[in-house]
Amino acid sequence: MGSKISDETIEYVSILAKLELTEQEKQDAKADMEKMLDYIDTLNELDTEGVEPMSHVFPVENVFREDIVTNGDGSAGTLANAPLRKNDSFKVPKTIG
C-alpha cells in the first residue's frame, strides 16, 4: 500500500479536466487520489476465485416485445377529416418554389 502520485501526474490530470488548481487544491487532490488507489489495492486482496464477472447488477432480460396491432392506426378516421387527399395521404400545398 502507500500509493504515491507525482506532482506531474496531478498537473496532467488537472489539464485534462480543464481545472486551474491552487497549490493547496493540488495537494488535497493528490492525497485523495492516493487514498483511492490504496482502497483499490485493498479490494485487490479479496479472493475472487470462481466469481463470475458481471456487467449489470440486475439480471438483464429482453424488454422488447413483438409489435402486434390491436386497434389499428386510425388512419381512415384521420384521413376522413382531410381537406385534400392523395391516395392514402394528406395532400398539402407546395411551400417551396
PDB file of N, CA and C in Angstrom:
ATOM      1  N   MET A   1       0.834  -1.172   0.000  1.00  0.00           N
ATOM      2  CA  MET A   1       0.000   0.000   0.000  1.00  0.00           C
ATOM      3  C   MET A   1       0.888   1.248   0.000  1.00  0.00           C
ATOM      4  N   GLY A   2       0.293   2.375   0.277  1.00  0.00           N
ATOM      5  CA  GLY A   2       1.064   3.600   0.276  1.00  0.00           C
ATOM      6  C   GLY A   2       1.344   4.088  -1.130  1.00  0.00           C
ATOM      7  N   SER A   3       0.314   4.156  -1.958  1.00  0.00           N
ATOM      8  CA  SER A   3       0.482   4.622  -3.332  1.00  0.00           C
ATOM      9  C   SER A   3       0.930   6.073  -3.337  1.00  0.00           C
ATOM     10  N   LYS A   4       1.815   6.396  -4.249  1.00  0.00           N
ATOM     11  CA  LYS A   4       2.315   7.760  -4.378  1.00  0.00           C
ATOM     12  C   LYS A   4       2.010   8.276  -5.774  1.00  0.00           C
ATOM     13  N   ILE A   5       1.520   9.479  -5.820  1.00  0.00           N
ATOM     14  CA  ILE A   5       1.220  10.135  -7.090  1.00  0.00           C
ATOM     15  C   ILE A   5       2.136  11.346  -7.199  1.00  0.00           C
ATOM     16  N   SER A   6       2.738  11.500  -8.364  1.00  0.00           N
ATOM     17  CA  SER A   6       3.683  12.603  -8.547  1.00  0.00           C
ATOM     18  C   SER A   6       2.948  13.914  -8.811  1.00  0.00           C
ATOM     19  N   ASP A   7       3.662  15.000  -8.598  1.00  0.00           N
ATOM     20  CA  ASP A   7       3.098  16.321  -8.877  1.00  0.00           C
ATOM     21  C   ASP A   7       2.798  16.475 -10.370  1.00  0.00           C
ATOM     22  N   GLU A   8       3.635  15.850 -11.212  1.00  0.00           N
ATOM     23  CA  GLU A   8       3.420  15.921 -12.656  1.00  0.00           C
ATOM     24  C   GLU A   8       2.104  15.244 -13.038  1.00  0.00           C
ATOM     25  N   THR A   9       1.777  14.134 -12.370  1.00  0.00           N
ATOM     26  CA  THR A   9       0.527  13.429 -12.651  1.00  0.00           C
ATOM     27  C   THR A   9      -0.669  14.298 -12.285  1.00  0.00           C
ATOM     28  N   ILE A  10      -0.601  14.949 -11.138  1.00  0.00           N
ATOM     29  CA  ILE A  10      -1.688  15.842 -10.711  1.00  0.00           C
ATOM     30  C   ILE A  10      -1.835  16.989 -11.701  1.00  0.00           C
ATOM     31  N   GLU A  11      -0.724  17.542 -12.139  1.00  0.00           N
ATOM     32  CA  GLU A  11      -0.758  18.637 -13.112  1.00  0.00           C
ATOM     33  C   GLU A  11      -1.394  18.171 -14.424  1.00  0.00           C
ATOM     34  N   TYR A  12      -1.003  16.974 -14.873  1.00  0.00           N
ATOM     35  CA  TYR A  12      -1.531  16.420 -16.121  1.00  0.00           C
ATOM     36  C   TYR A  12      -3.035  16.159 -16.017  1.00  0.00           C
ATOM     37  N   VAL A  13      -3.474  15.585 -14.913  1.00  0.00           N
ATOM     38  CA  VAL A  13      -4.901  15.311 -14.707  1.00  0.00           C
ATOM     39  C   VAL A  13      -5.691  16.613 -14.645  1.00  0.00           C
ATOM     40  N   SER A  14      -5.139  17.625 -14.015  1.00  0.00           N
ATOM     41  CA  SER A  14      -5.855  18.905 -13.929  1.00  0.00           C
ATOM     42  C   SER A  14      -5.974  19.550 -15.311  1.00  0.00           C
ATOM     43  N   ILE A  15      -4.954  19.366 -16.160  1.00  0.00           N
ATOM     44  CA  ILE A  15      -5.033  19.888 -17.525  1.00  0.00           C
ATOM     45  C   ILE A  15      -6.111  19.136 -18.302  1.00  0.00           C
ATOM     46  N   LEU A  16      -6.130  17.803 -18.172  1.00  0.00           N
ATOM     47  CA  LEU A  16      -7.149  17.004 -18.862  1.00  0.00           C
ATOM     48  C   LEU A  16      -8.555  17.383 -18.423  1.00  0.00           C
ATOM     49  N   ALA A  17      -8.711  17.666 -17.128  1.00  0.00           N
ATOM     50  CA  ALA A  17     -10.027  18.028 -16.590  1.00  0.00           C
ATOM     51  C   ALA A  17     -10.330  19.516 -16.771  1.00  0.00           C
ATOM     52  N   LYS A  18      -9.387  20.239 -17.373  1.00  0.00           N
ATOM     53  CA  LYS A  18      -9.535  21.686 -17.601  1.00  0.00           C
ATOM     54  C   LYS A  18      -9.818  22.424 -16.292  1.00  0.00           C
ATOM     55  N   LEU A  19      -9.013  22.096 -15.291  1.00  0.00           N
ATOM     56  CA  LEU A  19      -9.140  22.729 -13.987  1.00  0.00           C
ATOM     57  C   LEU A  19      -7.896  23.563 -13.692  1.00  0.00           C
ATOM     58  N   GLU A  20      -8.102  24.713 -13.097  1.00  0.00           N
ATOM     59  CA  GLU A  20      -6.989  25.511 -12.599  1.00  0.00           C
ATOM     60  C   GLU A  20      -7.000  25.360 -11.084  1.00  0.00           C
ATOM     61  N   LEU A  21      -6.027  24.634 -10.561  1.00  0.00           N
ATOM     62  CA  LEU A  21      -5.989  24.331  -9.140  1.00  0.00           C
ATOM     63  C   LEU A  21      -4.906  25.148  -8.449  1.00  0.00           C
ATOM     64  N   THR A  22      -5.214  25.563  -7.233  1.00  0.00           N
ATOM     65  CA  THR A  22      -4.185  26.205  -6.412  1.00  0.00           C
ATOM     66  C   THR A  22      -3.266  25.106  -5.886  1.00  0.00           C
ATOM     67  N   GLU A  23      -2.157  25.509  -5.313  1.00  0.00           N
ATOM     68  CA  GLU A  23      -1.215  24.520  -4.765  1.00  0.00           C
ATOM     69  C   GLU A  23      -1.881  23.681  -3.669  1.00  0.00           C
ATOM     70  N   GLN A  24      -2.713  24.314  -2.855  1.00  0.00           N
ATOM     71  CA  GLN A  24      -3.403  23.571  -1.786  1.00  0.00           C
ATOM     72  C   GLN A  24      -4.385  22.566  -2.381  1.00  0.00           C
ATOM     73  N   GLU A  25      -5.116  22.974  -3.420  1.00  0.00           N
ATOM     74  CA  GLU A  25      -6.064  22.069  -4.070  1.00  0.00           C
ATOM     75  C   GLU A  25      -5.344  20.896  -4.734  1.00  0.00           C
ATOM     76  N   LYS A  26      -4.158  21.172  -5.293  1.00  0.00           N
ATOM     77  CA  LYS A  26      -3.366  20.101  -5.892  1.00  0.00           C
ATOM     78  C   LYS A  26      -2.935  19.094  -4.830  1.00  0.00           C
ATOM     79  N   GLN A  27      -2.513  19.587  -3.683  1.00  0.00           N
ATOM     80  CA  GLN A  27      -2.091  18.686  -2.599  1.00  0.00           C
ATOM     81  C   GLN A  27      -3.278  17.874  -2.069  1.00  0.00           C
ATOM     82  N   ASP A  28      -4.450  18.522  -1.959  1.00  0.00           N
ATOM     83  CA  ASP A  28      -5.644  17.819  -1.498  1.00  0.00           C
ATOM     84  C   ASP A  28      -6.062  16.741  -2.508  1.00  0.00           C
ATOM     85  N   ALA A  29      -6.015  17.089  -3.794  1.00  0.00           N
ATOM     86  CA  ALA A  29      -6.379  16.127  -4.832  1.00  0.00           C
ATOM     87  C   ALA A  29      -5.401  14.963  -4.840  1.00  0.00           C
ATOM     88  N   LYS A  30      -4.143  15.259  -4.668  1.00  0.00           N
ATOM     89  CA  LYS A  30      -3.106  14.215  -4.626  1.00  0.00           C
ATOM     90  C   LYS A  30      -3.380  13.253  -3.464  1.00  0.00           C
ATOM     91  N   ALA A  31      -3.700  13.795  -2.292  1.00  0.00           N
ATOM     92  CA  ALA A  31      -3.986  12.952  -1.125  1.00  0.00           C
ATOM     93  C   ALA A  31      -5.231  12.105  -1.365  1.00  0.00           C
ATOM     94  N   ASP A  32      -6.274  12.709  -1.971  1.00  0.00           N
ATOM     95  CA  ASP A  32      -7.498  11.965  -2.254  1.00  0.00           C
ATOM     96  C   ASP A  32      -7.243  10.831  -3.239  1.00  0.00           C
ATOM     97  N   MET A  33      -6.474  11.099  -4.276  1.00  0.00           N
ATOM     98  CA  MET A  33      -6.176  10.063  -5.272  1.00  0.00           C
ATOM     99  C   MET A  33      -5.344   8.934  -4.673  1.00  0.00           C
ATOM    100  N   GLU A  34      -4.430   9.279  -3.811  1.00  0.00           N
ATOM    101  CA  GLU A  34      -3.627   8.243  -3.148  1.00  0.00           C
ATOM    102  C   GLU A  34      -4.506   7.363  -2.271  1.00  0.00           C
ATOM    103  N   LYS A  35      -5.490   7.974  -1.585  1.00  0.00           N
ATOM    104  CA  LYS A  35      -6.422   7.185  -0.770  1.00  0.00           C
ATOM    105  C   LYS A  35      -7.248   6.244  -1.646  1.00  0.00           C
ATOM    106  N   MET A  36      -7.686   6.754  -2.823  1.00  0.00           N
ATOM    107  CA  MET A  36      -8.465   5.908  -3.734  1.00  0.00           C
ATOM    108  C   MET A  36      -7.636   4.720  -4.213  1.00  0.00           C
ATOM    109  N   LEU A  37      -6.387   4.969  -4.572  1.00  0.00           N
ATOM    110  CA  LEU A  37      -5.520   3.873  -5.032  1.00  0.00           C
ATOM    111  C   LEU A  37      -5.263   2.864  -3.922  1.00  0.00           C
ATOM    112  N   ASP A  38      -5.103   3.346  -2.698  1.00  0.00           N
ATOM    113  CA  ASP A  38      -4.929   2.432  -1.561  1.00  0.00           C
ATOM    114  C   ASP A  38      -6.166   1.568  -1.370  1.00  0.00           C
ATOM    115  N   TYR A  39      -7.347   2.155  -1.534  1.00  0.00           N
ATOM    116  CA  TYR A  39      -8.585   1.394  -1.385  1.00  0.00           C
ATOM    117  C   TYR A  39      -8.699   0.336  -2.474  1.00  0.00           C
ATOM    118  N   ILE A  40      -8.309   0.697  -3.693  1.00  0.00           N
ATOM    119  CA  ILE A  40      -8.337  -0.276  -4.789  1.00  0.00           C
ATOM    120  C   ILE A  40      -7.375  -1.419  -4.500  1.00  0.00           C
ATOM    121  N   ASP A  41      -6.221  -1.096  -3.933  1.00  0.00           N
ATOM    122  CA  ASP A  41      -5.286  -2.159  -3.545  1.00  0.00           C
ATOM    123  C   ASP A  41      -5.910  -3.071  -2.498  1.00  0.00           C
ATOM    124  N   THR A  42      -6.683  -2.502  -1.568  1.00  0.00           N
ATOM    125  CA  THR A  42      -7.371  -3.310  -0.556  1.00  0.00           C
ATOM    126  C   THR A  42      -8.377  -4.239  -1.226  1.00  0.00           C
ATOM    127  N   LEU A  43      -9.108  -3.732  -2.211  1.00  0.00           N
ATOM    128  CA  LEU A  43     -10.077  -4.564  -2.930  1.00  0.00           C
ATOM    129  C   LEU A  43      -9.393  -5.688  -3.696  1.00  0.00           C
ATOM    130  N   ASN A  44      -8.179  -5.423  -4.192  1.00  0.00           N
ATOM    131  CA  ASN A  44      -7.444  -6.449  -4.934  1.00  0.00           C
ATOM    132  C   ASN A  44      -7.030  -7.615  -4.046  1.00  0.00           C
ATOM    133  N   GLU A  45      -7.066  -7.439  -2.729  1.00  0.00           N
ATOM    134  CA  GLU A  45      -6.719  -8.520  -1.806  1.00  0.00           C
ATOM    135  C   GLU A  45      -7.850  -9.531  -1.659  1.00  0.00           C
ATOM    136  N   LEU A  46      -9.056  -9.196  -2.107  1.00  0.00           N
ATOM    137  CA  LEU A  46     -10.194 -10.112  -1.993  1.00  0.00           C
ATOM    138  C   LEU A  46     -10.003 -11.319  -2.894  1.00  0.00           C
ATOM    139  N   ASP A  47     -10.441 -12.468  -2.402  1.00  0.00           N
ATOM    140  CA  ASP A  47     -10.377 -13.691  -3.194  1.00  0.00           C
ATOM    141  C   ASP A  47     -11.597 -13.735  -4.113  1.00  0.00           C
ATOM    142  N   THR A  48     -11.354 -13.591  -5.388  1.00  0.00           N
ATOM    143  CA  THR A  48     -12.441 -13.613  -6.365  1.00  0.00           C
ATOM    144  C   THR A  48     -12.390 -14.875  -7.219  1.00  0.00           C
ATOM    145  N   GLU A  49     -11.707 -15.880  -6.756  1.00  0.00           N
ATOM    146  CA  GLU A  49     -11.609 -17.151  -7.471  1.00  0.00           C
ATOM    147  C   GLU A  49     -13.004 -17.747  -7.631  1.00  0.00           C
ATOM    148  N   GLY A  50     -13.382 -18.057  -8.849  1.00  0.00           N
ATOM    149  CA  GLY A  50     -14.666 -18.687  -9.111  1.00  0.00           C
ATOM    150  C   GLY A  50     -15.845 -17.730  -9.166  1.00  0.00           C
ATOM    151  N   VAL A  51     -15.599 -16.437  -8.993  1.00  0.00           N
ATOM    152  CA  VAL A  51     -16.684 -15.462  -9.071  1.00  0.00           C
ATOM    153  C   VAL A  51     -16.820 -15.041 -10.527  1.00  0.00           C
ATOM    154  N   GLU A  52     -18.017 -15.233 -11.073  1.00  0.00           N
ATOM    155  CA  GLU A  52     -18.255 -14.910 -12.475  1.00  0.00           C
ATOM    156  C   GLU A  52     -18.390 -13.400 -12.650  1.00  0.00           C
ATOM    157  N   PRO A  53     -17.664 -12.819 -13.607  1.00  0.00           N
ATOM    158  CA  PRO A  53     -17.799 -11.374 -13.830  1.00  0.00           C
ATOM    159  C   PRO A  53     -19.206 -11.038 -14.305  1.00  0.00           C
ATOM    160  N   MET A  54     -19.664  -9.823 -13.984  1.00  0.00           N
ATOM    161  CA  MET A  54     -20.983  -9.414 -14.443  1.00  0.00           C
ATOM    162  C   MET A  54     -20.904  -7.992 -14.976  1.00  0.00           C
ATOM    163  N   SER A  55     -21.804  -7.685 -15.881  1.00  0.00           N
ATOM    164  CA  SER A  55     -21.825  -6.341 -16.443  1.00  0.00           C
ATOM    165  C   SER A  55     -22.963  -5.512 -15.869  1.00  0.00           C
ATOM    166  N   HIS A  56     -23.942  -6.154 -15.228  1.00  0.00           N
ATOM    167  CA  HIS A  56     -25.079  -5.447 -14.644  1.00  0.00           C
ATOM    168  C   HIS A  56     -25.366  -6.000 -13.255  1.00  0.00           C
ATOM    169  N   VAL A  57     -25.868  -5.136 -12.404  1.00  0.00           N
ATOM    170  CA  VAL A  57     -26.213  -5.554 -11.051  1.00  0.00           C
ATOM    171  C   VAL A  57     -27.454  -6.432 -11.063  1.00  0.00           C
ATOM    172  N   PHE A  58     -28.404  -6.077 -11.918  1.00  0.00           N
ATOM    173  CA  PHE A  58     -29.648  -6.824 -12.007  1.00  0.00           C
ATOM    174  C   PHE A  58     -29.624  -7.726 -13.228  1.00  0.00           C
ATOM    175  N   PRO A  59     -30.369  -8.824 -13.203  1.00  0.00           N
ATOM    176  CA  PRO A  59     -30.418  -9.689 -14.383  1.00  0.00           C
ATOM    177  C   PRO A  59     -30.958  -8.919 -15.592  1.00  0.00           C
ATOM    178  N   VAL A  60     -30.335  -9.147 -16.729  1.00  0.00           N
ATOM    179  CA  VAL A  60     -30.754  -8.457 -17.949  1.00  0.00           C
ATOM    180  C   VAL A  60     -31.700  -9.355 -18.721  1.00  0.00           C
ATOM    181  N   GLU A  61     -32.856  -8.806 -19.043  1.00  0.00           N
ATOM    182  CA  GLU A  61     -33.838  -9.548 -19.813  1.00  0.00           C
ATOM    183  C   GLU A  61     -34.172  -8.745 -21.048  1.00  0.00           C
ATOM    184  N   ASN A  62     -34.603  -9.424 -22.085  1.00  0.00           N
ATOM    185  CA  ASN A  62     -35.009  -8.740 -23.292  1.00  0.00           C
ATOM    186  C   ASN A  62     -36.330  -8.033 -23.023  1.00  0.00           C
ATOM    187  N   VAL A  63     -36.311  -6.715 -23.082  1.00  0.00           N
ATOM    188  CA  VAL A  63     -37.510  -5.940 -22.761  1.00  0.00           C
ATOM    189  C   VAL A  63     -38.331  -5.627 -24.000  1.00  0.00           C
ATOM    190  N   PHE A  64     -37.853  -6.019 -25.164  1.00  0.00           N
ATOM    191  CA  PHE A  64     -38.604  -5.767 -26.386  1.00  0.00           C
ATOM    192  C   PHE A  64     -39.686  -6.820 -26.556  1.00  0.00           C
ATOM    193  N   ARG A  65     -40.759  -6.432 -27.171  1.00  0.00           N
ATOM    194  CA  ARG A  65     -41.850  -7.352 -27.437  1.00  0.00           C
ATOM    195  C   ARG A  65     -42.175  -7.293 -28.917  1.00  0.00           C
ATOM    196  N   GLU A  66     -42.911  -8.255 -29.379  1.00  0.00           N
ATOM    197  CA  GLU A  66     -43.345  -8.255 -30.766  1.00  0.00           C
ATOM    198  C   GLU A  66     -44.366  -7.141 -30.967  1.00  0.00           C
ATOM    199  N   ASP A  67     -44.313  -6.479 -32.116  1.00  0.00           N
ATOM    200  CA  ASP A  67     -45.297  -5.452 -32.429  1.00  0.00           C
ATOM    201  C   ASP A  67     -46.562  -6.124 -32.949  1.00  0.00           C
ATOM    202  N   ILE A  68     -47.617  -6.007 -32.181  1.00  0.00           N
ATOM    203  CA  ILE A  68     -48.896  -6.599 -32.552  1.00  0.00           C
ATOM    204  C   ILE A  68     -49.919  -5.468 -32.609  1.00  0.00           C
ATOM    205  N   VAL A  69     -50.530  -5.279 -33.765  1.00  0.00           N
ATOM    206  CA  VAL A  69     -51.543  -4.239 -33.915  1.00  0.00           C
ATOM    207  C   VAL A  69     -52.827  -4.745 -33.276  1.00  0.00           C
ATOM    208  N   THR A  70     -53.346  -3.996 -32.313  1.00  0.00           N
ATOM    209  CA  THR A  70     -54.554  -4.432 -31.615  1.00  0.00           C
ATOM    210  C   THR A  70     -55.763  -3.576 -31.953  1.00  0.00           C
ATOM    211  N   ASN A  71     -55.549  -2.283 -32.251  1.00  0.00           N
ATOM    212  CA  ASN A  71     -56.700  -1.432 -32.513  1.00  0.00           C
ATOM    213  C   ASN A  71     -56.524  -0.595 -33.782  1.00  0.00           C
ATOM    214  N   GLY A  72     -55.603  -0.941 -34.632  1.00  0.00           N
ATOM    215  CA  GLY A  72     -55.380  -0.201 -35.861  1.00  0.00           C
ATOM    216  C   GLY A  72     -54.705   1.128 -35.611  1.00  0.00           C
ATOM    217  N   ASP A  73     -54.398   1.832 -36.685  1.00  0.00           N
ATOM    218  CA  ASP A  73     -53.719   3.112 -36.522  1.00  0.00           C
ATOM    219  C   ASP A  73     -54.650   4.308 -36.659  1.00  0.00           C
ATOM    220  N   GLY A  74     -55.889   4.092 -36.971  1.00  0.00           N
ATOM    221  CA  GLY A  74     -56.850   5.184 -37.057  1.00  0.00           C
ATOM    222  C   GLY A  74     -56.661   6.065 -38.267  1.00  0.00           C
ATOM    223  N   SER A  75     -55.924   5.613 -39.258  1.00  0.00           N
ATOM    224  CA  SER A  75     -55.645   6.474 -40.412  1.00  0.00           C
ATOM    225  C   SER A  75     -56.906   6.750 -41.225  1.00  0.00           C
ATOM    226  N   ALA A  76     -57.822   5.826 -41.322  1.00  0.00           N
ATOM    227  CA  ALA A  76     -59.041   6.055 -42.096  1.00  0.00           C
ATOM    228  C   ALA A  76     -59.853   7.192 -41.482  1.00  0.00           C
ATOM    229  N   GLY A  77     -59.971   7.207 -40.180  1.00  0.00           N
ATOM    230  CA  GLY A  77     -60.698   8.281 -39.499  1.00  0.00           C
ATOM    231  C   GLY A  77     -59.978   9.605 -39.614  1.00  0.00           C
ATOM    232  N   THR A  78     -58.672   9.578 -39.567  1.00  0.00           N
ATOM    233  CA  THR A  78     -57.895  10.800 -39.688  1.00  0.00           C
ATOM    234  C   THR A  78     -58.011  11.372 -41.095  1.00  0.00           C
ATOM    235  N   LEU A  79     -57.890  10.505 -42.104  1.00  0.00           N
ATOM    236  CA  LEU A  79     -57.989  10.967 -43.488  1.00  0.00           C
ATOM    237  C   LEU A  79     -59.393  11.448 -43.845  1.00  0.00           C
ATOM    238  N   ALA A  80     -60.386  11.017 -43.112  1.00  0.00           N
ATOM    239  CA  ALA A  80     -61.757  11.466 -43.375  1.00  0.00           C
ATOM    240  C   ALA A  80     -61.883  12.961 -43.124  1.00  0.00           C
ATOM    241  N   ASN A  81     -61.034  13.530 -42.286  1.00  0.00           N
ATOM    242  CA  ASN A  81     -61.067  14.958 -41.978  1.00  0.00           C
ATOM    243  C   ASN A  81     -60.156  15.785 -42.880  1.00  0.00           C
ATOM    244  N   ALA A  82     -59.454  15.147 -43.781  1.00  0.00           N
ATOM    245  CA  ALA A  82     -58.503  15.867 -44.630  1.00  0.00           C
ATOM    246  C   ALA A  82     -59.237  16.698 -45.679  1.00  0.00           C
ATOM    247  N   PRO A  83     -58.839  17.964 -45.851  1.00  0.00           N
ATOM    248  CA  PRO A  83     -59.479  18.771 -46.898  1.00  0.00           C
ATOM    249  C   PRO A  83     -59.122  18.261 -48.293  1.00  0.00           C
ATOM    250  N   LEU A  84     -57.879  17.810 -48.485  1.00  0.00           N
ATOM    251  CA  LEU A  84     -57.446  17.243 -49.753  1.00  0.00           C
ATOM    252  C   LEU A  84     -56.725  15.925 -49.479  1.00  0.00           C
ATOM    253  N   ARG A  85     -56.995  14.928 -50.327  1.00  0.00           N
ATOM    254  CA  ARG A  85     -56.358  13.618 -50.152  1.00  0.00           C
ATOM    255  C   ARG A  85     -55.709  13.195 -51.458  1.00  0.00           C
ATOM    256  N   LYS A  86     -54.621  12.439 -51.328  1.00  0.00           N
ATOM    257  CA  LYS A  86     -53.991  11.811 -52.482  1.00  0.00           C
ATOM    258  C   LYS A  86     -53.679  10.396 -52.053  1.00  0.00           C
ATOM    259  N   ASN A  87     -54.380   9.439 -52.629  1.00  0.00           N
ATOM    260  CA  ASN A  87     -54.293   8.031 -52.226  1.00  0.00           C
ATOM    261  C   ASN A  87     -54.597   7.920 -50.738  1.00  0.00           C
ATOM    262  N   ASP A  88     -53.680   7.416 -49.939  1.00  0.00           N
ATOM    263  CA  ASP A  88     -53.908   7.268 -48.501  1.00  0.00           C
ATOM    264  C   ASP A  88     -53.110   8.299 -47.712  1.00  0.00           C
ATOM    265  N   SER A  89     -52.960   9.499 -48.241  1.00  0.00           N
ATOM    266  CA  SER A  89     -52.159  10.543 -47.584  1.00  0.00           C
ATOM    267  C   SER A  89     -52.867  11.878 -47.673  1.00  0.00           C
ATOM    268  N   PHE A  90     -52.414  12.822 -46.823  1.00  0.00           N
ATOM    269  CA  PHE A  90     -52.868  14.197 -46.939  1.00  0.00           C
ATOM    270  C   PHE A  90     -52.201  14.825 -48.144  1.00  0.00           C
ATOM    271  N   LYS A  91     -52.915  15.688 -48.837  1.00  0.00           N
ATOM    272  CA  LYS A  91     -52.312  16.468 -49.903  1.00  0.00           C
ATOM    273  C   LYS A  91     -52.226  17.880 -49.397  1.00  0.00           C
ATOM    274  N   VAL A  92     -51.009  18.443 -49.418  1.00  0.00           N
ATOM    275  CA  VAL A  92     -50.797  19.794 -48.896  1.00  0.00           C
ATOM    276  C   VAL A  92     -50.256  20.677 -50.003  1.00  0.00           C
ATOM    277  N   PRO A  93     -50.474  21.980 -49.890  1.00  0.00           N
ATOM    278  CA  PRO A  93     -49.959  22.893 -50.918  1.00  0.00           C
ATOM    279  C   PRO A  93     -48.424  22.915 -50.896  1.00  0.00           C
ATOM    280  N   LYS A  94     -47.848  23.130 -52.063  1.00  0.00           N
ATOM    281  CA  LYS A  94     -46.403  23.214 -52.184  1.00  0.00           C
ATOM    282  C   LYS A  94     -45.927  24.490 -51.495  1.00  0.00           C
ATOM    283  N   THR A  95     -44.899  24.396 -50.651  1.00  0.00           N
ATOM    284  CA  THR A  95     -44.435  25.571 -49.923  1.00  0.00           C
ATOM    285  C   THR A  95     -43.092  26.075 -50.413  1.00  0.00           C
ATOM    286  N   ILE A  96     -42.370  25.269 -51.166  1.00  0.00           N
ATOM    287  CA  ILE A  96     -41.069  25.683 -51.707  1.00  0.00           C
ATOM    288  C   ILE A  96     -41.189  25.728 -53.219  1.00  0.00           C
ATOM    289  N   GLY A  97     -40.755  26.865 -53.822  1.00  0.00           N
ATOM    290  CA  GLY A  97     -40.920  27.085 -55.243  1.00  0.00           C
ATOM    291  C   GLY A  97     -39.989  26.346 -56.102  1.00  0.00           C
TER     292      GLY A  97
END
